[in-house]
Amino acid sequence: LLTAQLQNQNPLEPMDSKEFTNQLTQFSGVEQSIQTNTLLEDMIKSQQAASASSLVGYLGNTITAEGSSTRLENGAANWGYDVQGAATTAKIVVRNSAGAPVFTQDVATNEGTHGFSWDGRSNTGSQNPDGIYSISIEATDADGNVFPVKTEISGRVDGIDMSGSTPTLAIGSATFPVTAVRSVGL
């Protein structure tokens, strides 16, 4: 830009030296900003590559992650849940990928961590197809007070997706962010 300006400057009306110095400073600032942006882009790419390589350690390992969706496979789906209060009963609802309830069960419960296994059968006894199912749990006490419940899924990580802004891990076709991982085991 500076060279083009010097070539097109009118020799009969030269630019004021203060204005010329000011423009030189502005051109220098623009050039530095362009270089800084290029370096930042390179740093982001390096950080993403490092993140991807660190996630490879999850492959093949069994993890427990915060979440409510898991895969029913060969007539088995498992969830964990943690009741956050003095509940006595819990209503468990399993929903298909369209959100329709396919199984409901009331169970006795108490405060703490529990597991729930589902064989894929509906309340009428028919077998649901393999696929992604979600669970919701409402825990209450004898007076009808509702207590919070956190749900977890477990499974072997068989994929990593880096295409989005947040990397996700896959257990079958169920995916969740790396930030949801609570434990890793062999």
C-alpha atoms as a PDB file:
ATOM      1  CA  LEU A   1       0.000   0.000   0.000  1.00  0.00           C
ATOM      2  CA  LEU A   2       2.797   2.405   0.893  1.00  0.00           C
ATOM      3  CA  THR A   3       4.628   1.755  -2.399  1.00  0.00           C
ATOM      4  CA  ALA A   4       1.434   2.336  -4.388  1.00  0.00           C
ATOM      5  CA  GLN A   5       0.800   5.561  -2.509  1.00  0.00           C
ATOM      6  CA  LEU A   6       4.335   6.832  -3.142  1.00  0.00           C
ATOM      7  CA  GLN A   7       4.052   6.021  -6.843  1.00  0.00           C
ATOM      8  CA  ASN A   8       0.759   7.903  -7.155  1.00  0.00           C
ATOM      9  CA  GLN A   9       1.703  10.930  -5.038  1.00  0.00           C
ATOM     10  CA  ASN A  10       1.573  14.284  -6.846  1.00  0.00           C
ATOM     11  CA  PRO A  11       5.166  15.664  -6.859  1.00  0.00           C
ATOM     12  CA  LEU A  12       3.801  19.232  -7.030  1.00  0.00           C
ATOM     13  CA  GLU A  13       1.831  18.735  -3.810  1.00  0.00           C
ATOM     14  CA  PRO A  14       3.889  16.372  -1.635  1.00  0.00           C
ATOM     15  CA  MET A  15       2.296  14.900   1.429  1.00  0.00           C
ATOM     16  CA  ASP A  16       2.857  16.636   4.750  1.00  0.00           C
ATOM     17  CA  SER A  17       5.654  14.856   6.655  1.00  0.00           C
ATOM     18  CA  LYS A  18       3.443  14.439   9.759  1.00  0.00           C
ATOM     19  CA  GLU A  19       0.680  12.883   7.673  1.00  0.00           C
ATOM     20  CA  PHE A  20       3.228  10.664   5.915  1.00  0.00           C
ATOM     21  CA  THR A  21       4.632   9.463   9.284  1.00  0.00           C
ATOM     22  CA  ASN A  22       1.115   8.862  10.596  1.00  0.00           C
ATOM     23  CA  GLN A  23       0.261   6.706   7.571  1.00  0.00           C
ATOM     24  CA  LEU A  24       3.526   4.775   7.924  1.00  0.00           C
ATOM     25  CA  THR A  25       2.592   4.003  11.536  1.00  0.00           C
ATOM     26  CA  GLN A  26      -0.915   2.882  10.519  1.00  0.00           C
ATOM     27  CA  PHE A  27       0.455   0.613   7.775  1.00  0.00           C
ATOM     28  CA  SER A  28       2.885  -0.918  10.258  1.00  0.00           C
ATOM     29  CA  GLY A  29       0.034  -1.551  12.734  1.00  0.00           C
ATOM     30  CA  VAL A  30      -2.101  -3.234  10.081  1.00  0.00           C
ATOM     31  CA  GLU A  31       0.805  -5.447   9.042  1.00  0.00           C
ATOM     32  CA  GLN A  32       1.427  -6.466  12.669  1.00  0.00           C
ATOM     33  CA  SER A  33      -2.280  -7.266  13.163  1.00  0.00           C
ATOM     34  CA  ILE A  34      -2.293  -9.489  10.078  1.00  0.00           C
ATOM     35  CA  GLN A  35       0.816 -11.315  11.320  1.00  0.00           C
ATOM     36  CA  THR A  36      -0.693 -11.712  14.810  1.00  0.00           C
ATOM     37  CA  ASN A  37      -3.896 -13.211  13.364  1.00  0.00           C
ATOM     38  CA  THR A  38      -1.872 -15.679  11.303  1.00  0.00           C
ATOM     39  CA  LEU A  39       0.112 -16.751  14.366  1.00  0.00           C
ATOM     40  CA  LEU A  40      -3.060 -17.113  16.465  1.00  0.00           C
ATOM     41  CA  GLU A  41      -4.650 -19.313  13.797  1.00  0.00           C
ATOM     42  CA  ASP A  42      -1.538 -21.522  13.807  1.00  0.00           C
ATOM     43  CA  MET A  43      -1.666 -21.762  17.618  1.00  0.00           C
ATOM     44  CA  ILE A  44      -5.357 -22.759  17.549  1.00  0.00           C
ATOM     45  CA  LYS A  45      -4.646 -25.487  14.973  1.00  0.00           C
ATOM     46  CA  SER A  46      -1.785 -26.801  17.129  1.00  0.00           C
ATOM     47  CA  GLN A  47      -3.992 -26.808  20.216  1.00  0.00           C
ATOM     48  CA  GLN A  48      -6.753 -28.705  18.371  1.00  0.00           C
ATOM     49  CA  ALA A  49      -4.234 -31.284  17.171  1.00  0.00           C
ATOM     50  CA  ALA A  50      -2.909 -31.727  20.726  1.00  0.00           C
ATOM     51  CA  SER A  51      -6.465 -32.074  22.008  1.00  0.00           C
ATOM     52  CA  ALA A  52      -7.238 -34.725  19.395  1.00  0.00           C
ATOM     53  CA  SER A  53      -4.168 -36.754  20.289  1.00  0.00           C
ATOM     54  CA  SER A  54      -4.983 -36.609  24.012  1.00  0.00           C
ATOM     55  CA  LEU A  55      -8.513 -37.917  23.332  1.00  0.00           C
ATOM     56  CA  VAL A  56      -7.170 -41.033  21.614  1.00  0.00           C
ATOM     57  CA  GLY A  57      -6.481 -42.401  25.106  1.00  0.00           C
ATOM     58  CA  TYR A  58     -10.250 -42.741  25.624  1.00  0.00           C
ATOM     59  CA  LEU A  59     -10.627 -45.193  22.721  1.00  0.00           C
ATOM     60  CA  GLY A  60     -11.326 -48.721  23.897  1.00  0.00           C
ATOM     61  CA  ASN A  61     -11.732 -47.674  27.542  1.00  0.00           C
ATOM     62  CA  THR A  62     -14.935 -47.910  29.541  1.00  0.00           C
ATOM     63  CA  ILE A  63     -16.108 -44.559  30.797  1.00  0.00           C
ATOM     64  CA  THR A  64     -18.907 -43.237  32.947  1.00  0.00           C
ATOM     65  CA  ALA A  65     -20.322 -39.922  31.810  1.00  0.00           C
ATOM     66  CA  GLU A  66     -23.094 -37.594  32.840  1.00  0.00           C
ATOM     67  CA  GLY A  67     -25.996 -38.139  30.475  1.00  0.00           C
ATOM     68  CA  SER A  68     -29.388 -39.692  30.002  1.00  0.00           C
ATOM     69  CA  SER A  69     -29.113 -41.344  26.546  1.00  0.00           C
ATOM     70  CA  THR A  70     -27.509 -44.686  25.861  1.00  0.00           C
ATOM     71  CA  ARG A  71     -27.775 -47.496  23.366  1.00  0.00           C
ATOM     72  CA  LEU A  72     -30.016 -50.534  23.733  1.00  0.00           C
ATOM     73  CA  GLU A  73     -27.972 -53.335  22.230  1.00  0.00           C
ATOM     74  CA  ASN A  74     -28.796 -57.048  22.235  1.00  0.00           C
ATOM     75  CA  GLY A  75     -31.577 -56.468  24.748  1.00  0.00           C
ATOM     76  CA  ALA A  76     -29.494 -54.538  27.279  1.00  0.00           C
ATOM     77  CA  ALA A  77     -29.219 -50.876  28.248  1.00  0.00           C
ATOM     78  CA  ASN A  78     -27.732 -49.613  31.513  1.00  0.00           C
ATOM     79  CA  TRP A  79     -27.814 -46.323  33.369  1.00  0.00           C
ATOM     80  CA  GLY A  80     -26.614 -45.092  36.713  1.00  0.00           C
ATOM     81  CA  TYR A  81     -28.427 -42.513  38.776  1.00  0.00           C
ATOM     82  CA  ASP A  82     -27.712 -40.547  41.912  1.00  0.00           C
ATOM     83  CA  VAL A  83     -30.593 -39.437  44.137  1.00  0.00           C
ATOM     84  CA  GLN A  84     -29.778 -36.129  45.833  1.00  0.00           C
ATOM     85  CA  GLY A  85     -32.051 -36.428  48.916  1.00  0.00           C
ATOM     86  CA  ALA A  86     -34.112 -38.646  51.197  1.00  0.00           C
ATOM     87  CA  ALA A  87     -36.390 -40.079  48.522  1.00  0.00           C
ATOM     88  CA  THR A  88     -38.279 -43.336  49.030  1.00  0.00           C
ATOM     89  CA  THR A  89     -39.547 -44.006  45.495  1.00  0.00           C
ATOM     90  CA  ALA A  90     -38.479 -43.206  41.961  1.00  0.00           C
ATOM     91  CA  LYS A  91     -40.482 -43.221  38.738  1.00  0.00           C
ATOM     92  CA  ILE A  92     -38.256 -44.307  35.856  1.00  0.00           C
ATOM     93  CA  VAL A  93     -39.325 -43.526  32.299  1.00  0.00           C
ATOM     94  CA  VAL A  94     -37.423 -44.858  29.268  1.00  0.00           C
ATOM     95  CA  ARG A  95     -38.034 -42.987  25.998  1.00  0.00           C
ATOM     96  CA  ASN A  96     -37.168 -43.880  22.409  1.00  0.00           C
ATOM     97  CA  SER A  97     -35.215 -41.566  20.091  1.00  0.00           C
ATOM     98  CA  ALA A  98     -38.461 -39.771  19.130  1.00  0.00           C
ATOM     99  CA  GLY A  99     -39.110 -38.978  22.809  1.00  0.00           C
ATOM    100  CA  ALA A 100     -42.078 -41.329  23.209  1.00  0.00           C
ATOM    101  CA  PRO A 101     -42.211 -43.307  26.484  1.00  0.00           C
ATOM    102  CA  VAL A 102     -41.664 -47.029  25.890  1.00  0.00           C
ATOM    103  CA  PHE A 103     -41.221 -48.258  29.462  1.00  0.00           C
ATOM    104  CA  THR A 104     -42.222 -46.978  32.910  1.00  0.00           C
ATOM    105  CA  GLN A 105     -41.418 -48.448  36.308  1.00  0.00           C
ATOM    106  CA  ASP A 106     -41.770 -47.342  39.926  1.00  0.00           C
ATOM    107  CA  VAL A 107     -38.942 -48.530  42.198  1.00  0.00           C
ATOM    108  CA  ALA A 108     -38.093 -48.178  45.858  1.00  0.00           C
ATOM    109  CA  THR A 109     -35.028 -45.994  46.312  1.00  0.00           C
ATOM    110  CA  ASN A 110     -33.041 -43.947  48.795  1.00  0.00           C
ATOM    111  CA  GLU A 111     -30.378 -41.260  48.738  1.00  0.00           C
ATOM    112  CA  GLY A 112     -27.220 -42.256  46.891  1.00  0.00           C
ATOM    113  CA  THR A 113     -25.990 -43.963  43.745  1.00  0.00           C
ATOM    114  CA  HIS A 114     -27.994 -46.711  42.036  1.00  0.00           C
ATOM    115  CA  GLY A 115     -28.043 -48.619  38.771  1.00  0.00           C
ATOM    116  CA  PHE A 116     -30.865 -49.389  36.382  1.00  0.00           C
ATOM    117  CA  SER A 117     -30.770 -52.110  33.713  1.00  0.00           C
ATOM    118  CA  TRP A 118     -33.417 -52.370  31.032  1.00  0.00           C
ATOM    119  CA  ASP A 119     -33.940 -55.426  28.850  1.00  0.00           C
ATOM    120  CA  GLY A 120     -35.612 -53.488  26.030  1.00  0.00           C
ATOM    121  CA  ARG A 121     -39.117 -54.742  26.736  1.00  0.00           C
ATOM    122  CA  SER A 122     -42.036 -52.322  26.861  1.00  0.00           C
ATOM    123  CA  ASN A 123     -44.652 -52.424  29.615  1.00  0.00           C
ATOM    124  CA  THR A 124     -46.763 -54.618  27.296  1.00  0.00           C
ATOM    125  CA  GLY A 125     -43.907 -57.127  26.913  1.00  0.00           C
ATOM    126  CA  SER A 126     -42.929 -56.364  23.316  1.00  0.00           C
ATOM    127  CA  GLN A 127     -39.217 -56.103  22.508  1.00  0.00           C
ATOM    128  CA  ASN A 128     -37.995 -52.665  21.383  1.00  0.00           C
ATOM    129  CA  PRO A 129     -35.411 -52.503  18.583  1.00  0.00           C
ATOM    130  CA  ASP A 130     -31.773 -51.699  19.270  1.00  0.00           C
ATOM    131  CA  GLY A 131     -31.076 -47.977  19.213  1.00  0.00           C
ATOM    132  CA  ILE A 132     -30.694 -44.889  21.354  1.00  0.00           C
ATOM    133  CA  TYR A 133     -32.955 -44.555  24.397  1.00  0.00           C
ATOM    134  CA  SER A 134     -33.042 -41.958  27.140  1.00  0.00           C
ATOM    135  CA  ILE A 135     -34.090 -42.154  30.753  1.00  0.00           C
ATOM    136  CA  SER A 136     -35.742 -39.693  33.105  1.00  0.00           C
ATOM    137  CA  ILE A 137     -36.164 -40.279  36.809  1.00  0.00           C
ATOM    138  CA  GLU A 138     -38.322 -38.453  39.322  1.00  0.00           C
ATOM    139  CA  ALA A 139     -37.522 -39.297  42.946  1.00  0.00           C
ATOM    140  CA  THR A 140     -39.998 -38.461  45.731  1.00  0.00           C
ATOM    141  CA  ASP A 141     -40.490 -39.085  49.415  1.00  0.00           C
ATOM    142  CA  ALA A 142     -43.677 -40.234  51.188  1.00  0.00           C
ATOM    143  CA  ASP A 143     -44.922 -36.616  51.360  1.00  0.00           C
ATOM    144  CA  GLY A 144     -44.523 -36.108  47.599  1.00  0.00           C
ATOM    145  CA  ASN A 145     -41.404 -33.905  47.855  1.00  0.00           C
ATOM    146  CA  VAL A 146     -39.332 -34.182  44.668  1.00  0.00           C
ATOM    147  CA  PHE A 147     -35.557 -34.672  44.856  1.00  0.00           C
ATOM    148  CA  PRO A 148     -32.988 -34.020  42.110  1.00  0.00           C
ATOM    149  CA  VAL A 149     -31.580 -37.033  40.270  1.00  0.00           C
ATOM    150  CA  LYS A 150     -28.402 -37.067  38.159  1.00  0.00           C
ATOM    151  CA  THR A 151     -28.181 -39.749  35.471  1.00  0.00           C
ATOM    152  CA  GLU A 152     -25.051 -41.374  34.061  1.00  0.00           C
ATOM    153  CA  ILE A 153     -24.207 -43.733  31.243  1.00  0.00           C
ATOM    154  CA  SER A 154     -21.356 -46.208  30.941  1.00  0.00           C
ATOM    155  CA  GLY A 155     -19.798 -47.924  27.994  1.00  0.00           C
ATOM    156  CA  ARG A 156     -16.727 -48.516  25.869  1.00  0.00           C
ATOM    157  CA  VAL A 157     -15.610 -45.520  23.799  1.00  0.00           C
ATOM    158  CA  ASP A 158     -15.429 -46.513  20.152  1.00  0.00           C
ATOM    159  CA  GLY A 159     -15.198 -43.122  18.447  1.00  0.00           C
ATOM    160  CA  ILE A 160     -14.124 -39.480  18.712  1.00  0.00           C
ATOM    161  CA  ASP A 161     -15.663 -36.614  16.741  1.00  0.00           C
ATOM    162  CA  MET A 162     -13.547 -33.459  16.369  1.00  0.00           C
ATOM    163  CA  SER A 163     -15.708 -31.797  13.684  1.00  0.00           C
ATOM    164  CA  GLY A 164     -17.599 -29.483  16.055  1.00  0.00           C
ATOM    165  CA  SER A 165     -16.394 -26.757  18.362  1.00  0.00           C
ATOM    166  CA  THR A 166     -16.434 -29.215  21.299  1.00  0.00           C
ATOM    167  CA  PRO A 167     -14.935 -32.699  20.877  1.00  0.00           C
ATOM    168  CA  THR A 168     -17.390 -35.537  21.524  1.00  0.00           C
ATOM    169  CA  LEU A 169     -16.870 -39.184  22.446  1.00  0.00           C
ATOM    170  CA  ALA A 170     -19.051 -41.956  21.062  1.00  0.00           C
ATOM    171  CA  ILE A 171     -20.333 -45.109  22.691  1.00  0.00           C
ATOM    172  CA  GLY A 172     -22.025 -46.773  19.749  1.00  0.00           C
ATOM    173  CA  SER A 173     -24.175 -44.065  18.210  1.00  0.00           C
ATOM    174  CA  ALA A 174     -24.626 -42.172  21.504  1.00  0.00           C
ATOM    175  CA  THR A 175     -22.356 -39.125  21.722  1.00  0.00           C
ATOM    176  CA  PHE A 176     -21.538 -36.699  24.511  1.00  0.00           C
ATOM    177  CA  PRO A 177     -18.958 -33.991  25.214  1.00  0.00           C
ATOM    178  CA  VAL A 178     -15.644 -34.875  26.826  1.00  0.00           C
ATOM    179  CA  THR A 179     -16.542 -32.508  29.676  1.00  0.00           C
ATOM    180  CA  ALA A 180     -19.321 -34.953  30.711  1.00  0.00           C
ATOM    181  CA  VAL A 181     -16.824 -37.762  31.538  1.00  0.00           C
ATOM    182  CA  ARG A 182     -16.871 -38.645  35.253  1.00  0.00           C
ATOM    183  CA  SER A 183     -14.582 -41.702  35.309  1.00  0.00           C
ATOM    184  CA  VAL A 184     -12.419 -43.849  33.032  1.00  0.00           C
ATOM    185  CA  GLY A 185     -11.583 -47.524  33.477  1.00  0.00           C
ATOM    186  CA  LEU A 186     -10.231 -50.429  31.468  1.00  0.00           C
END
